[in-house]
Amino acid sequence: MACAIGSCAGCVVKTIENGEAKYRRVCVDGPVFPAEILPEFA
């Protein structure tokens, strides 16, 4: 089970922001992200 406080980074998703690839933690930065920053939907 993941930690749910952002220290284990077990819940990261890849995002594209300002043309740059970044990894955001779902438990801290999410759980909802705009579809336009997710590579699967961009």
PDB file of N, CA and C in Angstrom:
ATOM      1  N   MET A   1       0.844  -1.169   0.000  1.00  0.00           N
ATOM      2  CA  MET A   1       0.000   0.000   0.000  1.00  0.00           C
ATOM      3  C   MET A   1       0.899   1.245   0.000  1.00  0.00           C
ATOM      4  N   ALA A   2       0.523   2.218  -0.760  1.00  0.00           N
ATOM      5  CA  ALA A   2       1.295   3.455  -0.837  1.00  0.00           C
ATOM      6  C   ALA A   2       1.109   4.285   0.434  1.00  0.00           C
ATOM      7  N   CYS A   3       1.939   5.298   0.581  1.00  0.00           N
ATOM      8  CA  CYS A   3       1.959   6.074   1.818  1.00  0.00           C
ATOM      9  C   CYS A   3       0.832   7.100   1.924  1.00  0.00           C
ATOM     10  N   ALA A   4       0.350   7.661   0.800  1.00  0.00           N
ATOM     11  CA  ALA A   4      -0.719   8.668   0.748  1.00  0.00           C
ATOM     12  C   ALA A   4      -0.305  10.042   1.250  1.00  0.00           C
ATOM     13  N   ILE A   5       0.994  10.258   1.472  1.00  0.00           N
ATOM     14  CA  ILE A   5       1.454  11.591   1.867  1.00  0.00           C
ATOM     15  C   ILE A   5       2.530  12.140   0.934  1.00  0.00           C
ATOM     16  N   GLY A   6       2.840  11.418  -0.121  1.00  0.00           N
ATOM     17  CA  GLY A   6       3.763  11.906  -1.139  1.00  0.00           C
ATOM     18  C   GLY A   6       5.215  11.529  -0.996  1.00  0.00           C
ATOM     19  N   SER A   7       5.579  10.777   0.020  1.00  0.00           N
ATOM     20  CA  SER A   7       6.992  10.470   0.188  1.00  0.00           C
ATOM     21  C   SER A   7       7.455   9.226  -0.565  1.00  0.00           C
ATOM     22  N   CYS A   8       6.560   8.303  -0.882  1.00  0.00           N
ATOM     23  CA  CYS A   8       7.000   7.070  -1.549  1.00  0.00           C
ATOM     24  C   CYS A   8       7.043   7.204  -3.076  1.00  0.00           C
ATOM     25  N   ALA A   9       6.285   8.172  -3.651  1.00  0.00           N
ATOM     26  CA  ALA A   9       6.212   8.389  -5.100  1.00  0.00           C
ATOM     27  C   ALA A   9       5.713   7.151  -5.848  1.00  0.00           C
ATOM     28  N   GLY A  10       4.872   6.368  -5.210  1.00  0.00           N
ATOM     29  CA  GLY A  10       4.293   5.192  -5.847  1.00  0.00           C
ATOM     30  C   GLY A  10       3.104   5.508  -6.737  1.00  0.00           C
ATOM     31  N   CYS A  11       2.660   6.746  -6.729  1.00  0.00           N
ATOM     32  CA  CYS A  11       1.435   7.107  -7.445  1.00  0.00           C
ATOM     33  C   CYS A  11       1.692   8.156  -8.535  1.00  0.00           C
ATOM     34  N   VAL A  12       2.893   8.231  -9.067  1.00  0.00           N
ATOM     35  CA  VAL A  12       3.215   9.287 -10.025  1.00  0.00           C
ATOM     36  C   VAL A  12       2.560   9.051 -11.383  1.00  0.00           C
ATOM     37  N   VAL A  13       2.199  10.162 -12.035  1.00  0.00           N
ATOM     38  CA  VAL A  13       1.701  10.143 -13.408  1.00  0.00           C
ATOM     39  C   VAL A  13       2.519  11.146 -14.208  1.00  0.00           C
ATOM     40  N   LYS A  14       2.771  10.804 -15.459  1.00  0.00           N
ATOM     41  CA  LYS A  14       3.537  11.697 -16.327  1.00  0.00           C
ATOM     42  C   LYS A  14       2.612  12.783 -16.859  1.00  0.00           C
ATOM     43  N   THR A  15       3.075  14.033 -16.806  1.00  0.00           N
ATOM     44  CA  THR A  15       2.339  15.157 -17.362  1.00  0.00           C
ATOM     45  C   THR A  15       3.253  15.918 -18.316  1.00  0.00           C
ATOM     46  N   ILE A  16       2.651  16.671 -19.216  1.00  0.00           N
ATOM     47  CA  ILE A  16       3.399  17.554 -20.109  1.00  0.00           C
ATOM     48  C   ILE A  16       2.941  18.978 -19.808  1.00  0.00           C
ATOM     49  N   GLU A  17       3.836  19.780 -19.246  1.00  0.00           N
ATOM     50  CA  GLU A  17       3.504  21.148 -18.868  1.00  0.00           C
ATOM     51  C   GLU A  17       4.521  22.095 -19.482  1.00  0.00           C
ATOM     52  N   ASN A  18       4.032  23.054 -20.260  1.00  0.00           N
ATOM     53  CA  ASN A  18       4.895  24.008 -20.967  1.00  0.00           C
ATOM     54  C   ASN A  18       5.929  23.297 -21.835  1.00  0.00           C
ATOM     55  N   GLY A  19       5.506  22.199 -22.468  1.00  0.00           N
ATOM     56  CA  GLY A  19       6.387  21.440 -23.350  1.00  0.00           C
ATOM     57  C   GLY A  19       7.415  20.596 -22.630  1.00  0.00           C
ATOM     58  N   GLU A  20       7.318  20.495 -21.338  1.00  0.00           N
ATOM     59  CA  GLU A  20       8.295  19.785 -20.526  1.00  0.00           C
ATOM     60  C   GLU A  20       7.622  18.613 -19.813  1.00  0.00           C
ATOM     61  N   ALA A  21       8.258  17.463 -19.832  1.00  0.00           N
ATOM     62  CA  ALA A  21       7.713  16.292 -19.138  1.00  0.00           C
ATOM     63  C   ALA A  21       7.984  16.417 -17.649  1.00  0.00           C
ATOM     64  N   LYS A  22       6.948  16.192 -16.863  1.00  0.00           N
ATOM     65  CA  LYS A  22       7.069  16.214 -15.408  1.00  0.00           C
ATOM     66  C   LYS A  22       6.299  15.036 -14.858  1.00  0.00           C
ATOM     67  N   TYR A  23       6.636  14.636 -13.658  1.00  0.00           N
ATOM     68  CA  TYR A  23       5.906  13.586 -12.969  1.00  0.00           C
ATOM     69  C   TYR A  23       5.253  14.199 -11.745  1.00  0.00           C
ATOM     70  N   ARG A  24       3.933  14.034 -11.645  1.00  0.00           N
ATOM     71  CA  ARG A  24       3.166  14.587 -10.534  1.00  0.00           C
ATOM     72  C   ARG A  24       2.658  13.445  -9.677  1.00  0.00           C
ATOM     73  N   ARG A  25       2.593  13.666  -8.370  1.00  0.00           N
ATOM     74  CA  ARG A  25       2.099  12.662  -7.432  1.00  0.00           C
ATOM     75  C   ARG A  25       0.590  12.803  -7.284  1.00  0.00           C
ATOM     76  N   VAL A  26      -0.126  11.726  -7.538  1.00  0.00           N
ATOM     77  CA  VAL A  26      -1.584  11.746  -7.474  1.00  0.00           C
ATOM     78  C   VAL A  26      -2.060  12.041  -6.051  1.00  0.00           C
ATOM     79  N   CYS A  27      -1.419  11.483  -5.057  1.00  0.00           N
ATOM     80  CA  CYS A  27      -1.888  11.639  -3.675  1.00  0.00           C
ATOM     81  C   CYS A  27      -1.713  13.054  -3.149  1.00  0.00           C
ATOM     82  N   VAL A  28      -0.794  13.823  -3.697  1.00  0.00           N
ATOM     83  CA  VAL A  28      -0.537  15.182  -3.222  1.00  0.00           C
ATOM     84  C   VAL A  28      -1.010  16.220  -4.241  1.00  0.00           C
ATOM     85  N   ASP A  29      -0.675  16.032  -5.510  1.00  0.00           N
ATOM     86  CA  ASP A  29      -0.990  17.011  -6.559  1.00  0.00           C
ATOM     87  C   ASP A  29      -2.350  16.779  -7.195  1.00  0.00           C
ATOM     88  N   GLY A  30      -2.945  15.641  -6.981  1.00  0.00           N
ATOM     89  CA  GLY A  30      -4.214  15.293  -7.624  1.00  0.00           C
ATOM     90  C   GLY A  30      -5.306  15.149  -6.614  1.00  0.00           C
ATOM     91  N   PRO A  31      -6.234  14.294  -6.837  1.00  0.00           N
ATOM     92  CA  PRO A  31      -6.271  13.192  -7.777  1.00  0.00           C
ATOM     93  C   PRO A  31      -6.786  13.567  -9.158  1.00  0.00           C
ATOM     94  N   VAL A  32      -7.229  14.809  -9.359  1.00  0.00           N
ATOM     95  CA  VAL A  32      -7.789  15.205 -10.647  1.00  0.00           C
ATOM     96  C   VAL A  32      -6.795  16.118 -11.353  1.00  0.00           C
ATOM     97  N   PHE A  33      -6.531  15.817 -12.640  1.00  0.00           N
ATOM     98  CA  PHE A  33      -5.629  16.625 -13.451  1.00  0.00           C
ATOM     99  C   PHE A  33      -6.354  17.052 -14.722  1.00  0.00           C
ATOM    100  N   PRO A  34      -6.042  18.237 -15.243  1.00  0.00           N
ATOM    101  CA  PRO A  34      -6.635  18.637 -16.529  1.00  0.00           C
ATOM    102  C   PRO A  34      -6.186  17.672 -17.633  1.00  0.00           C
ATOM    103  N   ALA A  35      -7.110  17.272 -18.482  1.00  0.00           N
ATOM    104  CA  ALA A  35      -6.796  16.308 -19.545  1.00  0.00           C
ATOM    105  C   ALA A  35      -5.708  16.823 -20.474  1.00  0.00           C
ATOM    106  N   GLU A  36      -5.609  18.140 -20.673  1.00  0.00           N
ATOM    107  CA  GLU A  36      -4.618  18.657 -21.621  1.00  0.00           C
ATOM    108  C   GLU A  36      -3.167  18.503 -21.155  1.00  0.00           C
ATOM    109  N   ILE A  37      -2.913  18.207 -19.887  1.00  0.00           N
ATOM    110  CA  ILE A  37      -1.537  17.981 -19.447  1.00  0.00           C
ATOM    111  C   ILE A  37      -1.177  16.507 -19.384  1.00  0.00           C
ATOM    112  N   LEU A  38      -2.145  15.620 -19.620  1.00  0.00           N
ATOM    113  CA  LEU A  38      -1.886  14.183 -19.607  1.00  0.00           C
ATOM    114  C   LEU A  38      -1.572  13.712 -21.014  1.00  0.00           C
ATOM    115  N   PRO A  39      -0.415  13.099 -21.241  1.00  0.00           N
ATOM    116  CA  PRO A  39      -0.018  12.690 -22.594  1.00  0.00           C
ATOM    117  C   PRO A  39      -1.014  11.742 -23.267  1.00  0.00           C
ATOM    118  N   GLU A  40      -1.727  10.949 -22.503  1.00  0.00           N
ATOM    119  CA  GLU A  40      -2.688  10.008 -23.074  1.00  0.00           C
ATOM    120  C   GLU A  40      -3.861  10.717 -23.741  1.00  0.00           C
ATOM    121  N   PHE A  41      -4.140  11.938 -23.319  1.00  0.00           N
ATOM    122  CA  PHE A  41      -5.300  12.665 -23.811  1.00  0.00           C
ATOM    123  C   PHE A  41      -4.947  13.913 -24.614  1.00  0.00           C
ATOM    124  N   ALA A  42      -3.681  14.268 -24.655  1.00  0.00           N
ATOM    125  CA  ALA A  42      -3.259  15.490 -25.343  1.00  0.00           C
ATOM    126  C   ALA A  42      -3.207  15.284 -26.849  1.00  0.00           C
TER     127      ALA A  42
END
